[in-house]
Amino acid sequence: MKEGCCGLDSYQDFTGLSNWPPSQVGGTNVNLKTPVICCRSKSTDYTCAEQGTATTANNYMEVGCYDKLYDLIMGHALVITVIVLLLAFQFVMLFFSIWILCTMDNKIDII
């Protein structure tokens, strides 16, 4: 994962799901503690996500995506604010353009 996170709060967000944990991944029998996507390295070796071998050194198991996303948004708050203001300005201009067109009442002769 680009941001290096696992689940909303941690890998435990997957606990209790009907298909979690899977007994096989890619035809290989596994005993997973965390989803494979939570592994720091992206390989076909699933030991980084298995019971007993999944640690914070090889897995993003305790890093939630909520905090990562919040930090990403707050780190770019100025850019997001400018974009929102520009979109609001565009909406106001579009509203007034449509309003003017609707209230013209055919006052212009079209040749």
Protein backbone atom coordinates (compact mmCIF):
# COMPACT_ATOMS: atom_id res chain seq x y z
CA MET A 1 0.00 0.00 0.00
CA LYS A 2 1.37 3.41 -0.87
CA GLU A 3 0.62 5.03 2.46
CA GLY A 4 1.77 2.06 4.52
CA CYS A 5 -1.30 1.24 6.56
CA CYS A 6 -3.61 -1.64 7.36
CA GLY A 7 -7.33 -1.34 8.06
CA LEU A 8 -9.08 1.72 9.42
CA ASP A 9 -7.49 1.52 12.86
CA SER A 10 -5.35 -1.62 12.64
CA TYR A 11 -5.36 -5.16 11.25
CA GLN A 12 -7.99 -6.10 13.87
CA ASP A 13 -10.66 -4.33 11.78
CA PHE A 14 -10.84 -7.52 9.71
CA THR A 15 -11.69 -9.70 12.73
CA GLY A 16 -15.20 -11.10 12.60
CA LEU A 17 -15.68 -10.89 8.84
CA SER A 18 -17.34 -13.95 7.36
CA ASN A 19 -14.44 -14.81 5.02
CA TRP A 20 -11.63 -13.82 7.36
CA PRO A 21 -9.13 -15.33 7.79
CA PRO A 22 -8.90 -17.30 4.55
CA SER A 23 -7.47 -20.80 4.72
CA GLN A 24 -5.80 -20.46 1.31
CA VAL A 25 -4.21 -17.61 -0.62
CA GLY A 26 -3.29 -18.29 -4.23
CA GLY A 27 -3.69 -22.03 -3.71
CA THR A 28 -1.29 -22.05 -0.74
CA ASN A 29 -2.52 -23.08 2.70
CA VAL A 30 -1.98 -20.25 5.17
CA ASN A 31 -2.72 -19.31 8.78
CA LEU A 32 -2.96 -15.54 8.48
CA LYS A 33 -2.92 -13.03 11.30
CA THR A 34 -3.19 -9.96 9.04
CA PRO A 35 -4.23 -9.46 5.40
CA VAL A 36 -1.39 -9.94 2.94
CA ILE A 37 -1.84 -6.35 1.72
CA CYS A 38 -0.61 -5.19 5.15
CA CYS A 39 2.87 -6.62 4.51
CA ARG A 40 5.67 -4.10 4.05
CA SER A 41 7.17 -6.07 1.15
CA LYS A 42 4.99 -7.15 -1.75
CA SER A 43 6.01 -10.68 -2.59
CA THR A 44 4.41 -14.11 -2.77
CA ASP A 45 5.99 -15.03 0.56
CA TYR A 46 3.12 -14.81 3.05
CA THR A 47 5.19 -15.23 6.21
CA CYS A 48 4.93 -11.50 6.88
CA ALA A 49 1.18 -11.96 7.48
CA GLU A 50 1.09 -15.37 9.18
CA GLN A 51 0.47 -16.17 12.82
CA GLY A 52 3.74 -16.13 14.75
CA THR A 53 5.81 -14.37 12.08
CA ALA A 54 3.80 -11.16 11.51
CA THR A 55 5.50 -8.34 13.39
CA THR A 56 5.54 -4.57 13.18
CA ALA A 57 8.96 -4.85 11.51
CA ASN A 58 7.59 -6.68 8.46
CA ASN A 59 3.92 -5.64 8.59
CA TYR A 60 1.88 -2.43 8.94
CA MET A 61 -0.38 -4.29 11.38
CA GLU A 62 -0.74 -1.50 13.97
CA VAL A 63 -0.81 1.47 11.56
CA GLY A 64 -4.37 2.53 10.72
CA CYS A 65 -5.31 4.21 7.44
CA TYR A 66 -7.60 6.74 9.14
CA ASP A 67 -4.68 8.57 10.76
CA LYS A 68 -2.63 8.35 7.55
CA LEU A 69 -5.48 9.83 5.49
CA TYR A 70 -6.10 12.56 8.08
CA ASP A 71 -2.42 13.52 8.05
CA LEU A 72 -2.40 13.53 4.24
CA ILE A 73 -5.41 15.84 4.08
CA MET A 74 -4.15 18.17 6.80
CA GLY A 75 -0.74 18.29 5.13
CA HIS A 76 -2.40 19.64 1.99
CA ALA A 77 -5.10 21.77 3.66
CA LEU A 78 -4.18 24.92 1.72
CA VAL A 79 -4.42 23.19 -1.67
CA ILE A 80 -7.74 21.57 -0.74
CA THR A 81 -9.12 24.91 0.51
CA VAL A 82 -8.16 26.67 -2.73
CA ILE A 83 -9.77 23.93 -4.82
CA VAL A 84 -12.99 24.06 -2.78
CA LEU A 85 -13.13 27.85 -3.08
CA LEU A 86 -12.60 27.68 -6.85
CA LEU A 87 -15.33 25.07 -7.21
CA ALA A 88 -17.69 27.21 -5.11
CA PHE A 89 -16.90 30.22 -7.32
CA GLN A 90 -17.61 28.15 -10.44
CA PHE A 91 -20.92 27.01 -8.97
CA VAL A 92 -21.96 30.61 -8.22
CA MET A 93 -21.02 31.73 -11.74
CA LEU A 94 -22.95 28.83 -13.27
CA PHE A 95 -25.99 29.61 -11.10
CA PHE A 96 -26.05 33.27 -12.14
CA SER A 97 -25.50 32.40 -15.80
CA ILE A 98 -28.50 30.07 -15.78
CA TRP A 99 -30.55 32.63 -13.83
CA ILE A 100 -29.77 35.37 -16.37
CA LEU A 101 -30.65 33.07 -19.27
CA CYS A 102 -33.96 32.11 -17.64
CA THR A 103 -34.98 35.73 -16.88
CA MET A 104 -34.08 37.22 -20.26
CA ASP A 105 -37.56 36.42 -21.56
CA ASN A 106 -36.53 36.56 -25.23
CA LYS A 107 -35.44 40.21 -25.09
CA ILE A 108 -32.72 39.59 -27.66
CA ASP A 109 -33.61 39.07 -31.28
CA ILE A 110 -31.72 36.21 -32.78
CA ILE A 111 -31.06 36.58 -36.47
